[in-house]
N, C-alpha and C. Protein backbone atom coordinates (compact mmCIF):
# COMPACT_ATOMS: atom_id res chain seq x y z
N MET A 1 84.43 96.74 83.18
CA MET A 1 86.01 97.55 83.84
C MET A 1 85.20 98.68 83.14
N VAL A 2 85.63 99.83 84.65
CA VAL A 2 84.80 101.07 84.04
C VAL A 2 85.71 101.74 83.37
N GLY A 3 85.16 102.74 82.90
CA GLY A 3 86.41 103.55 81.59
C GLY A 3 86.81 102.41 80.62
N MET A 4 88.11 103.68 79.93
CA MET A 4 88.62 102.83 78.88
C MET A 4 89.60 101.00 79.73
N GLN A 5 89.47 100.38 78.23
CA GLN A 5 89.64 99.23 78.71
C GLN A 5 91.22 99.28 78.61
N ARG A 6 91.88 98.52 79.49
CA ARG A 6 93.29 98.56 79.52
C ARG A 6 93.78 97.18 78.45
N SER A 7 94.59 97.08 77.81
CA SER A 7 95.49 96.22 76.83
C SER A 7 96.33 95.85 77.50
N VAL A 8 97.03 94.59 77.20
CA VAL A 8 98.27 93.93 77.67
C VAL A 8 98.70 93.39 76.38
N MET A 9 99.69 93.56 76.16
CA MET A 9 100.15 92.68 74.83
C MET A 9 101.16 91.49 75.41
N VAL A 10 100.91 90.39 74.88
CA VAL A 10 101.53 89.16 75.00
C VAL A 10 102.97 88.78 74.16
N VAL A 11 103.67 89.11 74.13
CA VAL A 11 104.64 88.39 73.15
C VAL A 11 105.24 86.86 73.96
N GLU A 12 104.73 86.03 73.24
CA GLU A 12 105.04 84.58 73.15
C GLU A 12 104.73 83.62 71.92
N ASP A 13 105.96 82.91 71.87
CA ASP A 13 105.99 82.34 70.74
C ASP A 13 105.14 80.75 70.83
N ASP A 14 105.11 80.46 71.75
CA ASP A 14 104.66 79.11 72.23
C ASP A 14 102.90 79.50 72.25
N THR A 15 102.28 78.80 71.30
CA THR A 15 100.64 79.10 71.19
C THR A 15 99.45 78.63 72.56
N ALA A 16 100.35 77.38 73.18
CA ALA A 16 99.27 76.71 74.27
C ALA A 16 99.55 78.02 75.22
N ILE A 17 100.60 78.89 75.37
CA ILE A 17 101.02 79.55 76.64
C ILE A 17 99.98 80.66 76.48
N ARG A 18 100.42 81.37 75.42
CA ARG A 18 99.52 82.41 74.81
C ARG A 18 97.81 82.43 74.88
N LEU A 19 97.75 80.99 74.62
CA LEU A 19 96.27 81.14 74.96
C LEU A 19 95.89 80.81 76.65
N VAL A 20 96.45 80.40 77.32
CA VAL A 20 96.30 80.31 78.19
C VAL A 20 96.54 82.30 79.28
N LEU A 21 97.15 83.00 78.91
CA LEU A 21 97.47 84.51 79.12
C LEU A 21 96.32 84.87 78.46
N ARG A 22 95.82 84.60 76.90
CA ARG A 22 94.56 85.27 76.88
C ARG A 22 93.90 84.88 77.67
N THR A 23 93.25 83.79 78.06
CA THR A 23 91.94 83.87 78.90
C THR A 23 92.32 84.30 80.23
N ASN A 24 93.08 84.26 80.44
CA ASN A 24 93.22 84.73 82.03
C ASN A 24 93.37 86.57 82.12
N LEU A 25 93.65 86.86 80.67
CA LEU A 25 93.46 88.28 80.89
C LEU A 25 92.09 88.66 80.50
N GLU A 26 91.92 87.96 79.71
CA GLU A 26 90.49 88.87 79.13
C GLU A 26 89.73 88.61 80.11
N ASP A 27 89.72 87.47 81.20
CA ASP A 27 88.87 86.92 82.42
C ASP A 27 88.49 88.27 83.15
N GLU A 28 90.22 88.80 83.23
CA GLU A 28 90.19 90.17 83.78
C GLU A 28 90.04 91.13 83.43
N GLY A 29 89.28 91.19 82.13
CA GLY A 29 88.51 92.23 81.63
C GLY A 29 89.76 93.75 80.99
N TYR A 30 90.73 92.55 80.37
CA TYR A 30 92.40 93.22 79.56
C TYR A 30 91.77 93.33 78.22
N GLN A 31 91.82 94.22 77.10
CA GLN A 31 92.24 93.49 75.92
C GLN A 31 93.78 92.86 75.40
N VAL A 32 93.58 92.11 74.81
CA VAL A 32 95.12 91.56 74.39
C VAL A 32 95.78 91.49 73.33
N VAL A 33 96.67 91.74 72.89
CA VAL A 33 97.27 91.84 71.60
C VAL A 33 98.15 90.72 71.77
N GLU A 34 98.43 90.05 70.93
CA GLU A 34 99.43 88.73 70.51
C GLU A 34 100.17 89.07 69.55
N ALA A 35 101.74 88.77 70.57
CA ALA A 35 102.58 88.33 68.90
C ALA A 35 103.79 87.41 69.33
N GLU A 36 103.75 86.66 68.05
CA GLU A 36 104.77 85.60 68.50
C GLU A 36 106.21 86.10 68.44
N THR A 37 106.46 86.79 67.81
CA THR A 37 108.14 87.20 67.77
C THR A 37 108.15 88.70 67.98
N ALA A 38 109.49 89.02 68.52
CA ALA A 38 110.21 90.09 69.07
C ALA A 38 109.67 91.16 67.19
N GLU A 39 109.67 90.98 66.40
CA GLU A 39 109.54 91.71 65.43
C GLU A 39 107.86 92.00 64.57
N GLN A 40 107.80 91.15 65.20
CA GLN A 40 106.25 91.18 65.17
C GLN A 40 105.55 92.12 66.16
N ALA A 41 106.32 92.32 67.46
CA ALA A 41 105.70 92.98 68.69
C ALA A 41 106.31 94.38 68.21
N LEU A 42 107.18 94.71 67.38
CA LEU A 42 108.09 95.66 67.22
C LEU A 42 106.89 96.84 66.26
N VAL A 43 106.26 95.94 65.26
CA VAL A 43 105.33 96.15 64.36
C VAL A 43 104.29 96.49 64.75
N LEU A 44 103.35 96.01 65.65
CA LEU A 44 102.41 96.11 66.13
C LEU A 44 102.27 97.48 67.11
N ASN A 45 103.57 97.78 67.85
CA ASN A 45 103.99 98.69 69.18
C ASN A 45 103.63 99.82 68.29
N VAL A 46 103.50 100.29 67.38
CA VAL A 46 103.71 101.43 66.15
C VAL A 46 102.07 101.98 66.69
N ASP A 47 101.21 101.04 66.06
CA ASP A 47 99.82 101.54 66.18
C ASP A 47 98.82 101.00 67.31
N ARG A 48 99.41 100.63 68.04
CA ARG A 48 98.43 99.61 69.44
C ARG A 48 99.45 99.30 70.63
N LYS A 49 99.29 100.60 71.26
CA LYS A 49 100.20 100.88 71.97
C LYS A 49 99.67 100.32 73.59
N ALA A 50 100.29 99.34 74.01
CA ALA A 50 99.67 98.38 75.29
C ALA A 50 100.05 99.28 76.94
N ASP A 51 98.85 98.88 77.52
CA ASP A 51 99.18 99.31 78.89
C ASP A 51 100.57 98.55 79.83
N VAL A 52 100.20 97.30 79.11
CA VAL A 52 101.29 96.58 79.76
C VAL A 52 102.07 95.43 78.73
N VAL A 53 103.52 95.02 79.16
CA VAL A 53 104.06 94.26 77.70
C VAL A 53 104.13 93.18 78.57
N LEU A 54 103.98 91.71 78.41
CA LEU A 54 104.86 90.58 78.91
C LEU A 54 105.34 90.06 77.56
N VAL A 55 106.81 89.39 77.97
CA VAL A 55 107.66 89.36 77.43
C VAL A 55 108.34 87.99 77.56
N ASP A 56 108.38 87.01 76.67
CA ASP A 56 109.26 85.97 77.06
C ASP A 56 110.71 85.79 76.60
N LEU A 57 111.68 85.70 77.52
CA LEU A 57 112.73 86.31 76.94
C LEU A 57 113.56 84.47 75.99
N ARG A 58 113.25 83.73 75.44
CA ARG A 58 113.67 82.98 74.40
C ARG A 58 112.20 82.90 73.13
N LEU A 59 112.94 83.97 72.34
CA LEU A 59 111.95 84.01 71.28
C LEU A 59 112.68 84.02 69.94
N PRO A 60 111.82 83.67 68.98
CA PRO A 60 112.84 83.25 67.86
C PRO A 60 112.85 84.23 67.16
N GLY A 61 114.41 84.28 66.46
CA GLY A 61 114.77 85.78 65.76
C GLY A 61 115.24 86.54 67.06
N ILE A 62 114.43 87.84 66.84
CA ILE A 62 115.02 89.11 67.50
C ILE A 62 114.84 88.55 69.40
N HIS A 63 116.25 88.16 70.50
CA HIS A 63 115.65 87.72 71.58
C HIS A 63 115.07 88.72 72.09
N GLY A 64 114.30 88.05 73.33
CA GLY A 64 113.76 88.92 74.43
C GLY A 64 114.07 90.01 75.00
N LEU A 65 115.49 89.85 75.17
CA LEU A 65 116.16 91.10 75.82
C LEU A 65 116.50 92.15 74.54
N ASP A 66 116.80 91.91 73.59
CA ASP A 66 116.58 92.93 72.55
C ASP A 66 115.51 93.68 72.43
N LEU A 67 114.31 93.20 72.33
CA LEU A 67 112.92 93.45 72.50
C LEU A 67 112.67 94.10 73.67
N VAL A 68 112.93 94.12 74.75
CA VAL A 68 113.04 94.87 76.17
C VAL A 68 113.95 96.16 76.04
N ARG A 69 114.86 96.58 75.49
CA ARG A 69 115.84 97.69 75.42
C ARG A 69 115.12 97.82 74.28
N SER A 70 114.65 97.85 73.29
CA SER A 70 114.04 98.45 72.35
C SER A 70 112.89 99.16 72.46
N LEU A 71 111.39 98.28 73.72
CA LEU A 71 111.14 99.15 73.78
C LEU A 71 111.11 100.31 74.65
N ARG A 72 112.11 99.77 76.01
CA ARG A 72 112.39 100.67 77.04
C ARG A 72 113.53 102.39 76.22
N ALA A 73 114.09 101.63 75.02
CA ALA A 73 114.57 103.41 74.53
C ALA A 73 113.44 104.11 74.33
N THR A 74 112.24 103.76 73.98
CA THR A 74 111.42 104.55 73.89
C THR A 74 109.54 105.53 74.08
N SER A 75 109.64 103.97 74.83
CA SER A 75 108.66 104.04 75.66
C SER A 75 109.15 103.87 77.30
N GLN A 76 107.81 104.48 78.10
CA GLN A 76 107.91 104.14 79.58
C GLN A 76 107.09 103.09 79.91
N VAL A 77 106.53 102.33 78.81
CA VAL A 77 105.40 101.18 79.09
C VAL A 77 106.01 100.30 80.23
N PRO A 78 104.94 99.79 80.66
CA PRO A 78 105.51 98.68 82.31
C PRO A 78 105.97 97.31 81.32
N ILE A 79 106.93 97.05 81.69
CA ILE A 79 107.28 95.30 80.67
C ILE A 79 107.92 94.29 82.18
N ILE A 80 106.90 93.23 81.87
CA ILE A 80 106.69 92.13 82.48
C ILE A 80 107.52 91.19 81.74
N ILE A 81 108.75 90.23 82.56
CA ILE A 81 109.61 88.83 81.76
C ILE A 81 108.85 88.03 82.15
N VAL A 82 108.20 86.78 81.53
CA VAL A 82 107.39 85.81 81.56
C VAL A 82 108.49 84.69 81.29
N THR A 83 109.09 84.20 81.96
CA THR A 83 110.22 83.20 80.94
C THR A 83 110.63 81.64 82.27
N ALA A 84 110.98 80.92 81.43
CA ALA A 84 110.99 79.76 81.97
C ALA A 84 112.11 79.37 82.76
N GLN A 85 113.06 80.65 82.52
CA GLN A 85 114.20 80.32 83.09
C GLN A 85 114.56 81.01 84.32
N THR A 86 115.06 80.02 85.29
CA THR A 86 115.10 80.20 86.34
C THR A 86 116.74 80.92 87.00
N ASP A 87 117.65 80.35 86.25
CA ASP A 87 118.91 81.11 86.05
C ASP A 87 119.52 82.77 86.34
N SER A 88 119.52 82.73 87.19
CA SER A 88 119.75 84.57 88.15
C SER A 88 120.44 85.04 86.44
N HIS A 89 121.36 84.81 85.96
CA HIS A 89 121.78 85.99 84.70
C HIS A 89 120.90 86.50 84.16
N ASP A 90 119.68 85.00 84.01
CA ASP A 90 118.80 85.73 82.70
C ASP A 90 117.84 86.44 83.30
N VAL A 91 117.45 86.32 84.58
CA VAL A 91 116.65 87.40 85.19
C VAL A 91 117.17 88.76 85.25
N VAL A 92 118.76 88.70 85.87
CA VAL A 92 119.45 90.05 86.05
C VAL A 92 119.18 90.94 84.67
N ALA A 93 119.95 89.83 83.60
CA ALA A 93 120.37 90.51 82.26
C ALA A 93 118.69 91.51 82.12
N GLY A 94 117.23 90.63 82.18
CA GLY A 94 116.12 91.28 81.74
C GLY A 94 115.76 92.91 82.58
N LEU A 95 115.98 92.32 84.33
CA LEU A 95 116.16 93.63 84.82
C LEU A 95 116.92 94.78 84.00
N GLU A 96 117.84 94.78 84.17
CA GLU A 96 119.10 95.36 83.37
C GLU A 96 118.56 96.38 82.13
N ALA A 97 117.82 94.92 81.37
CA ALA A 97 117.98 95.58 79.91
C ALA A 97 116.37 96.58 79.77
N GLY A 98 115.84 96.78 81.51
CA GLY A 98 114.81 97.74 81.39
C GLY A 98 113.56 96.91 82.15
N ALA A 99 113.26 96.00 82.11
CA ALA A 99 112.01 95.45 82.82
C ALA A 99 111.87 95.78 83.96
N ASP A 100 110.73 96.01 84.12
CA ASP A 100 110.02 96.24 85.53
C ASP A 100 110.35 94.95 86.71
N ASP A 101 109.61 94.18 86.11
CA ASP A 101 109.59 92.95 86.69
C ASP A 101 109.60 91.28 86.24
N TYR A 102 109.55 90.63 86.96
CA TYR A 102 109.45 89.35 85.98
C TYR A 102 108.54 88.04 87.12
N VAL A 103 108.30 87.23 86.04
CA VAL A 103 107.44 85.87 86.72
C VAL A 103 107.93 84.62 85.81
N THR A 104 108.07 83.98 86.18
CA THR A 104 108.83 82.26 85.91
C THR A 104 107.90 81.57 85.29
N LYS A 105 107.88 80.89 84.14
CA LYS A 105 106.78 79.69 84.40
C LYS A 105 107.28 78.20 85.24
N PRO A 106 106.55 77.28 85.18
CA PRO A 106 104.96 77.90 85.32
C PRO A 106 104.61 79.09 86.03
N PHE A 107 104.00 79.76 85.87
CA PHE A 107 103.54 80.75 86.46
C PHE A 107 101.44 80.36 87.01
N VAL A 108 101.53 81.16 88.19
CA VAL A 108 100.60 81.40 88.71
C VAL A 108 99.92 82.30 88.60
N ALA A 109 98.65 82.31 87.40
CA ALA A 109 97.40 82.82 86.97
C ALA A 109 97.34 84.71 88.03
N LYS A 110 96.96 83.80 89.30
CA LYS A 110 96.35 85.24 90.20
C LYS A 110 97.37 85.64 90.40
N GLU A 111 99.24 85.54 90.89
CA GLU A 111 99.90 86.39 90.86
C GLU A 111 100.22 87.05 89.98
N LEU A 112 100.55 86.49 88.61
CA LEU A 112 100.64 87.36 87.13
C LEU A 112 99.53 88.77 87.06
N MET A 113 98.73 88.27 87.58
CA MET A 113 97.33 88.96 87.28
C MET A 113 97.60 90.54 88.18
N ALA A 114 97.80 90.11 89.46
CA ALA A 114 98.34 91.39 90.42
C ALA A 114 99.21 92.00 90.36
N ARG A 115 100.21 91.49 89.71
CA ARG A 115 101.76 91.86 88.84
C ARG A 115 101.06 92.98 87.83
N ILE A 116 100.49 92.63 87.62
CA ILE A 116 99.99 93.44 86.44
C ILE A 116 98.93 95.19 86.58
N ARG A 117 98.16 94.53 87.69
CA ARG A 117 97.45 95.83 88.10
C ARG A 117 98.21 96.24 88.77
N SER A 118 99.84 96.26 89.82
CA SER A 118 100.04 96.77 89.97
C SER A 118 101.03 97.65 89.53
N GLN A 119 101.31 97.19 87.88
CA GLN A 119 101.79 98.09 87.29
C GLN A 119 101.13 98.99 86.74
N ILE A 120 99.64 98.82 86.47
CA ILE A 120 98.82 99.92 85.81
C ILE A 120 98.66 100.86 86.71
N ARG A 121 99.08 100.84 88.27
CA ARG A 121 98.80 101.73 89.32
C ARG A 121 99.54 102.41 89.66
N ARG A 122 101.09 102.34 88.83
CA ARG A 122 101.98 103.39 88.94
C ARG A 122 102.01 103.79 87.49
N THR A 123 100.84 103.84 86.87
CA THR A 123 100.82 104.76 86.17
C THR A 123 100.20 106.19 86.14
N THR A 124 100.00 106.32 87.65
CA THR A 124 99.47 107.63 88.27
C THR A 124 100.15 107.92 89.91
N PRO A 125 100.26 108.65 90.18
CA PRO A 125 100.96 109.15 91.46
C PRO A 125 100.40 108.64 92.70
N PRO A 126 101.24 107.87 93.52
CA PRO A 126 101.03 107.21 94.66
C PRO A 126 100.27 108.01 95.47
N GLU A 127 99.47 107.71 96.50
CA GLU A 127 98.71 108.63 97.06
C GLU A 127 99.30 109.39 98.22
N ASP A 128 100.65 108.69 98.45
CA ASP A 128 101.14 108.99 99.51
C ASP A 128 102.80 109.99 99.76
N VAL A 129 102.72 110.12 97.85
CA VAL A 129 104.23 110.93 97.49
C VAL A 129 103.13 112.58 97.46
N PRO A 130 104.26 113.30 98.05
CA PRO A 130 103.81 114.36 97.79
C PRO A 130 103.27 114.96 96.32
N ALA A 131 102.77 116.18 96.45
CA ALA A 131 102.32 116.51 94.93
C ALA A 131 103.34 117.73 94.43
N GLY A 132 103.99 118.06 95.26
CA GLY A 132 105.25 119.39 95.13
C GLY A 132 106.48 118.46 94.86
N VAL A 133 107.34 119.76 94.19
CA VAL A 133 108.42 119.03 94.06
C VAL A 133 109.51 118.20 95.12
N LEU A 134 109.76 117.51 94.91
CA LEU A 134 110.73 116.71 95.68
C LEU A 134 112.34 117.18 95.31
N VAL A 135 113.14 117.51 96.59
CA VAL A 135 114.73 117.60 95.98
C VAL A 135 115.69 117.18 96.60
N CYS A 136 116.42 116.65 96.44
CA CYS A 136 117.82 115.69 96.93
C CYS A 136 118.90 116.73 96.49
N GLY A 137 119.76 117.15 97.15
CA GLY A 137 120.97 117.70 96.48
C GLY A 137 120.80 118.46 95.36
N PRO A 138 121.27 117.90 94.14
CA PRO A 138 121.32 118.53 92.48
C PRO A 138 120.05 117.81 91.56
N ILE A 139 118.92 116.81 92.30
CA ILE A 139 118.25 116.09 92.26
C ILE A 139 116.68 116.96 92.44
N GLU A 140 116.02 117.24 91.29
CA GLU A 140 114.52 117.61 91.60
C GLU A 140 114.10 116.52 90.73
N LEU A 141 112.53 116.25 91.80
CA LEU A 141 111.45 115.31 91.01
C LEU A 141 109.90 116.02 91.11
N HIS A 142 109.50 116.14 89.81
CA HIS A 142 108.83 117.06 90.11
C HIS A 142 107.33 116.06 89.27
N PRO A 143 106.89 115.35 90.86
CA PRO A 143 105.57 114.45 90.37
C PRO A 143 104.10 114.84 89.45
N GLU A 144 103.94 116.05 89.57
CA GLU A 144 102.90 116.25 88.49
C GLU A 144 102.88 116.04 87.06
N THR A 145 104.21 116.37 86.69
CA THR A 145 104.86 116.54 85.36
C THR A 145 105.83 115.24 85.12
N ALA A 146 106.02 114.48 86.08
CA ALA A 146 106.55 113.41 85.68
C ALA A 146 108.17 113.42 85.24
N GLU A 147 108.87 114.53 85.91
CA GLU A 147 110.07 114.66 85.52
C GLU A 147 111.27 114.81 86.66
N VAL A 148 112.41 114.50 86.08
CA VAL A 148 113.08 114.51 86.65
C VAL A 148 114.58 115.03 86.63
N LEU A 149 114.95 116.30 87.16
CA LEU A 149 116.21 117.04 86.91
C LEU A 149 117.68 117.00 87.75
N ARG A 150 118.91 117.05 86.75
CA ARG A 150 119.90 117.02 87.73
C ARG A 150 120.61 118.14 87.28
N ASP A 151 120.63 119.25 88.39
CA ASP A 151 121.64 120.18 87.70
C ASP A 151 120.69 121.19 86.73
N GLY A 152 119.56 121.23 86.97
CA GLY A 152 118.41 121.58 85.77
C GLY A 152 118.39 121.14 84.54
N GLU A 153 118.91 119.91 84.04
CA GLU A 153 119.01 119.25 83.08
C GLU A 153 117.97 118.09 83.46
N PRO A 154 117.18 117.48 82.31
CA PRO A 154 116.52 116.87 82.04
C PRO A 154 117.30 115.08 82.66
N ILE A 155 116.98 114.43 83.18
CA ILE A 155 117.17 113.01 83.30
C ILE A 155 116.31 111.76 82.54
N ALA A 156 116.59 111.07 81.63
CA ALA A 156 115.55 110.16 81.52
C ALA A 156 115.38 108.78 82.27
N VAL A 157 114.49 108.21 82.69
CA VAL A 157 113.92 107.68 84.00
C VAL A 157 112.94 106.57 83.48
N SER A 158 112.80 106.03 83.73
CA SER A 158 111.49 105.11 83.71
C SER A 158 110.25 105.27 84.82
N ARG A 159 109.26 104.84 84.18
CA ARG A 159 107.92 105.26 85.05
C ARG A 159 108.51 104.74 86.27
N ILE A 160 108.89 103.03 86.57
CA ILE A 160 109.23 102.60 87.99
C ILE A 160 110.61 103.25 88.49
N GLU A 161 111.72 103.49 87.91
CA GLU A 161 113.02 104.47 88.50
C GLU A 161 112.39 105.95 89.49
N PHE A 162 111.50 106.09 88.37
CA PHE A 162 110.45 107.30 88.94
C PHE A 162 110.01 107.34 90.70
N TRP A 163 109.29 106.68 90.39
CA TRP A 163 108.34 106.39 91.78
C TRP A 163 109.74 105.67 92.63
N VAL A 164 110.54 104.52 92.27
CA VAL A 164 111.45 104.72 93.38
C VAL A 164 112.13 105.67 94.24
N LEU A 165 112.55 106.98 93.15
CA LEU A 165 113.24 107.90 93.72
C LEU A 165 112.15 108.67 94.37
N ALA A 166 110.85 109.09 93.93
CA ALA A 166 109.96 110.07 94.55
C ALA A 166 109.88 108.85 95.84
N GLU A 167 109.64 107.32 96.24
CA GLU A 167 109.50 107.35 97.66
C GLU A 167 111.03 107.84 98.73
N LEU A 168 112.27 107.25 98.14
CA LEU A 168 113.28 107.91 98.75
C LEU A 168 113.59 109.20 98.74
N ILE A 169 113.43 110.00 98.05
CA ILE A 169 113.18 111.08 98.55
C ILE A 169 112.86 111.82 99.77
N ALA A 170 111.29 111.44 99.18
CA ALA A 170 110.03 111.84 100.26
C ALA A 170 110.78 111.29 101.95
N ALA A 171 111.07 110.03 101.90
CA ALA A 171 111.54 109.51 102.80
C ALA A 171 112.56 110.24 103.80
N ARG A 172 112.97 111.29 103.02
CA ARG A 172 114.15 112.30 104.14
C ARG A 172 115.12 112.05 105.07
N GLY A 173 115.56 110.52 104.51
CA GLY A 173 116.98 110.25 104.78
C GLY A 173 116.96 109.01 105.53
N ARG A 174 115.73 108.86 105.69
CA ARG A 174 115.28 107.10 106.30
C ARG A 174 115.49 106.38 105.39
N VAL A 175 116.36 105.25 106.01
CA VAL A 175 116.59 103.95 105.21
C VAL A 175 114.54 103.28 104.74
N LEU A 176 115.19 102.93 103.83
CA LEU A 176 113.95 101.77 102.88
C LEU A 176 114.22 100.86 102.64
N SER A 177 113.54 99.78 103.40
CA SER A 177 113.85 98.27 103.04
C SER A 177 113.68 98.22 101.65
N ARG A 178 114.34 96.80 101.31
CA ARG A 178 114.09 95.89 99.89
C ARG A 178 112.53 95.95 99.73
N ASP A 179 112.40 95.10 100.66
CA ASP A 179 110.70 94.70 100.98
C ASP A 179 109.39 96.16 101.00
N TYR A 180 109.65 96.67 101.70
CA TYR A 180 109.11 97.91 101.53
C TYR A 180 108.69 98.63 100.48
N LEU A 181 109.93 98.68 99.67
CA LEU A 181 109.93 99.33 98.29
C LEU A 181 109.08 98.32 97.23
N LEU A 182 109.60 97.02 97.74
CA LEU A 182 108.29 95.90 96.37
C LEU A 182 106.77 95.82 96.80
N ARG A 183 106.66 96.23 98.20
CA ARG A 183 105.68 96.61 98.37
C ARG A 183 104.91 97.74 98.24
N GLN A 184 105.50 99.30 98.32
CA GLN A 184 105.04 99.99 98.21
C GLN A 184 105.14 100.37 96.58
N VAL A 185 106.04 99.96 95.35
CA VAL A 185 106.29 100.08 94.51
C VAL A 185 105.33 99.48 93.31
N TRP A 186 106.07 98.24 94.02
CA TRP A 186 106.07 97.09 92.54
C TRP A 186 104.70 96.47 93.32
N GLY A 187 104.07 96.60 94.29
CA GLY A 187 102.98 96.01 94.90
C GLY A 187 103.12 94.63 95.00
N TYR A 188 103.68 94.24 96.00
CA TYR A 188 104.22 92.54 96.28
C TYR A 188 103.01 92.77 97.41
N GLY A 189 102.25 91.29 97.75
CA GLY A 189 102.38 91.40 99.01
C GLY A 189 102.66 90.74 99.47
N ASN A 190 104.02 89.99 99.41
CA ASN A 190 104.85 89.43 100.30
C ASN A 190 105.84 89.94 99.49
N ALA A 191 106.90 89.42 100.68
CA ALA A 191 108.24 89.59 100.14
C ALA A 191 108.61 88.87 99.40
N GLY A 192 109.33 89.82 97.96
CA GLY A 192 109.56 89.41 96.70
C GLY A 192 111.17 89.13 96.74
N ASP A 193 111.73 89.33 95.46
CA ASP A 193 112.66 88.62 94.71
C ASP A 193 113.69 90.37 94.85
N GLY A 194 114.53 90.71 95.50
CA GLY A 194 115.33 91.77 95.99
C GLY A 194 116.38 91.90 94.87
N ARG A 195 116.67 91.45 93.76
CA ARG A 195 117.11 91.40 92.56
C ARG A 195 116.56 92.74 92.00
N VAL A 196 114.91 92.74 91.76
CA VAL A 196 114.47 93.82 91.16
C VAL A 196 114.45 94.96 91.73
N VAL A 197 114.79 95.24 92.74
CA VAL A 197 115.40 96.53 93.62
C VAL A 197 116.56 96.85 93.36
N ASP A 198 117.23 95.43 93.91
CA ASP A 198 118.91 96.38 93.21
C ASP A 198 119.58 96.64 92.03
N ASN A 199 118.61 95.94 90.97
CA ASN A 199 119.06 96.00 89.92
C ASN A 199 118.55 97.64 89.30
N LEU A 200 117.32 98.08 89.81
CA LEU A 200 116.78 99.29 89.92
C LEU A 200 117.82 100.44 90.02
N GLU A 201 118.31 100.17 91.41
CA GLU A 201 119.17 100.92 91.84
C GLU A 201 120.26 101.46 91.48
N TYR A 202 120.58 100.36 90.79
CA TYR A 202 122.36 100.43 90.02
C TYR A 202 121.78 100.95 88.72
N ARG A 203 120.87 100.90 88.42
CA ARG A 203 120.21 102.32 87.11
C ARG A 203 120.42 103.47 87.37
N LEU A 204 119.54 103.40 88.45
CA LEU A 204 119.23 104.76 88.99
C LEU A 204 120.73 105.44 89.31
N ARG A 205 121.42 104.92 89.84
CA ARG A 205 122.74 105.40 90.64
C ARG A 205 123.55 106.19 89.12
N SER A 206 123.87 104.95 88.13
CA SER A 206 124.06 105.20 86.81
C SER A 206 123.03 107.08 85.81
N LYS A 207 122.43 107.14 86.65
CA LYS A 207 121.66 108.27 85.92
C LYS A 207 121.66 109.88 87.09
N ILE A 208 121.95 109.18 88.33
CA ILE A 208 121.87 110.73 88.89
C ILE A 208 123.21 110.90 90.18
N GLU A 209 124.23 110.01 89.48
CA GLU A 209 125.56 110.02 90.50
C GLU A 209 126.56 110.87 89.44
N THR A 210 127.18 111.76 90.17
CA THR A 210 128.62 112.03 88.91
C THR A 210 129.35 110.77 88.69
N ASP A 211 129.65 109.44 89.97
CA ASP A 211 130.59 108.69 90.15
C ASP A 211 129.61 107.97 90.84
N PRO A 212 129.09 107.11 89.98
CA PRO A 212 128.46 106.07 90.36
C PRO A 212 128.70 104.82 91.19
N ALA A 213 129.80 104.66 90.60
CA ALA A 213 131.13 103.96 91.23
C ALA A 213 131.05 104.39 93.13
N ASN A 214 131.02 105.13 93.56
CA ASN A 214 130.69 106.05 94.66
C ASN A 214 129.84 107.29 95.21
N PRO A 215 129.00 106.26 94.75
CA PRO A 215 127.37 107.33 95.04
C PRO A 215 127.62 108.13 96.49
N GLN A 216 127.19 109.25 96.35
CA GLN A 216 126.90 110.32 97.35
C GLN A 216 125.29 110.45 98.20
N LEU A 217 124.41 110.26 96.61
CA LEU A 217 123.04 110.48 97.19
C LEU A 217 122.71 109.01 96.99
N LEU A 218 122.65 108.36 96.25
CA LEU A 218 122.28 107.04 96.36
C LEU A 218 122.57 106.31 97.20
N THR A 219 122.31 105.42 98.52
CA THR A 219 123.77 104.97 99.39
C THR A 219 123.08 103.61 99.46
N THR A 220 123.94 102.49 99.88
CA THR A 220 123.25 101.28 100.31
C THR A 220 123.87 101.19 101.68
N VAL A 221 122.40 101.04 102.73
CA VAL A 221 122.98 100.58 104.20
C VAL A 221 122.94 99.00 104.42
N ARG A 222 123.87 98.25 104.60
CA ARG A 222 124.08 96.45 104.18
C ARG A 222 123.24 96.56 105.25
N GLY A 223 122.21 95.56 104.48
CA GLY A 223 121.46 94.59 105.51
C GLY A 223 120.04 95.20 106.22
N PHE A 224 120.03 96.34 105.22
CA PHE A 224 118.42 97.37 106.11
C PHE A 224 118.09 97.70 104.37
N GLY A 225 118.84 98.40 103.36
CA GLY A 225 118.21 98.70 102.78
C GLY A 225 119.08 99.95 101.93
N TYR A 226 118.34 100.67 101.56
CA TYR A 226 118.68 102.30 100.55
C TYR A 226 118.28 103.25 101.14
N ARG A 227 119.07 104.60 100.90
CA ARG A 227 118.49 105.76 101.54
C ARG A 227 119.04 106.75 100.64
N MET A 228 118.50 107.67 100.15
CA MET A 228 118.81 108.91 99.82
C MET A 228 118.70 110.29 100.75
N ARG A 229 120.44 110.65 100.53
CA ARG A 229 120.76 111.92 101.35
C ARG A 229 119.88 112.66 102.01
N PRO A 230 119.82 113.01 102.84
CA PRO A 230 118.34 114.16 103.47
C PRO A 230 119.14 115.67 102.84
């Protein structure tokens, strides 16, 4: 790998799965930090900041969801849930807690590596988003400083929320489909799970709208996708 080696923290209590993940990640050139519990992950995170964190939901002790919330409260690090749970509630809960993406066990290593690369790419501005300030009503987005302001006051958004908002504002009122956003922001090669987008849009509304239940800025166009008012 050219330049500084990227690191991935794997939070997984199953030794065999951690070994598989470590092997695949190291083959891709990543430095791997392992944690068996959420408690251990939080301690390691103080001194060993990772570029991406993989979190199993079903951890002993502190639940994986609480780990996601704790990490998200203090960091913009990309978080990918790796879970055997296929129940919609668990997936949605993970996304609502602040995770950026998820994969289910048994996972395909090539797909997981692609998701990780995509999350790392999102740490730098996408080429097709203008460098200048993007404005939508009371919302200002500053790509060069990664800031979002509402009526001049800063809003705390995650990294993935920032880039979705950038795509929507830059579209100047055009409707962007879930599949488009999954490709542009998450890096999905094919159609992915629209719940990832839907939950992120829900979180964005809670931050940018005066009344999230009656959105005026970020609206849903049923059957098509989402748009920001021009």
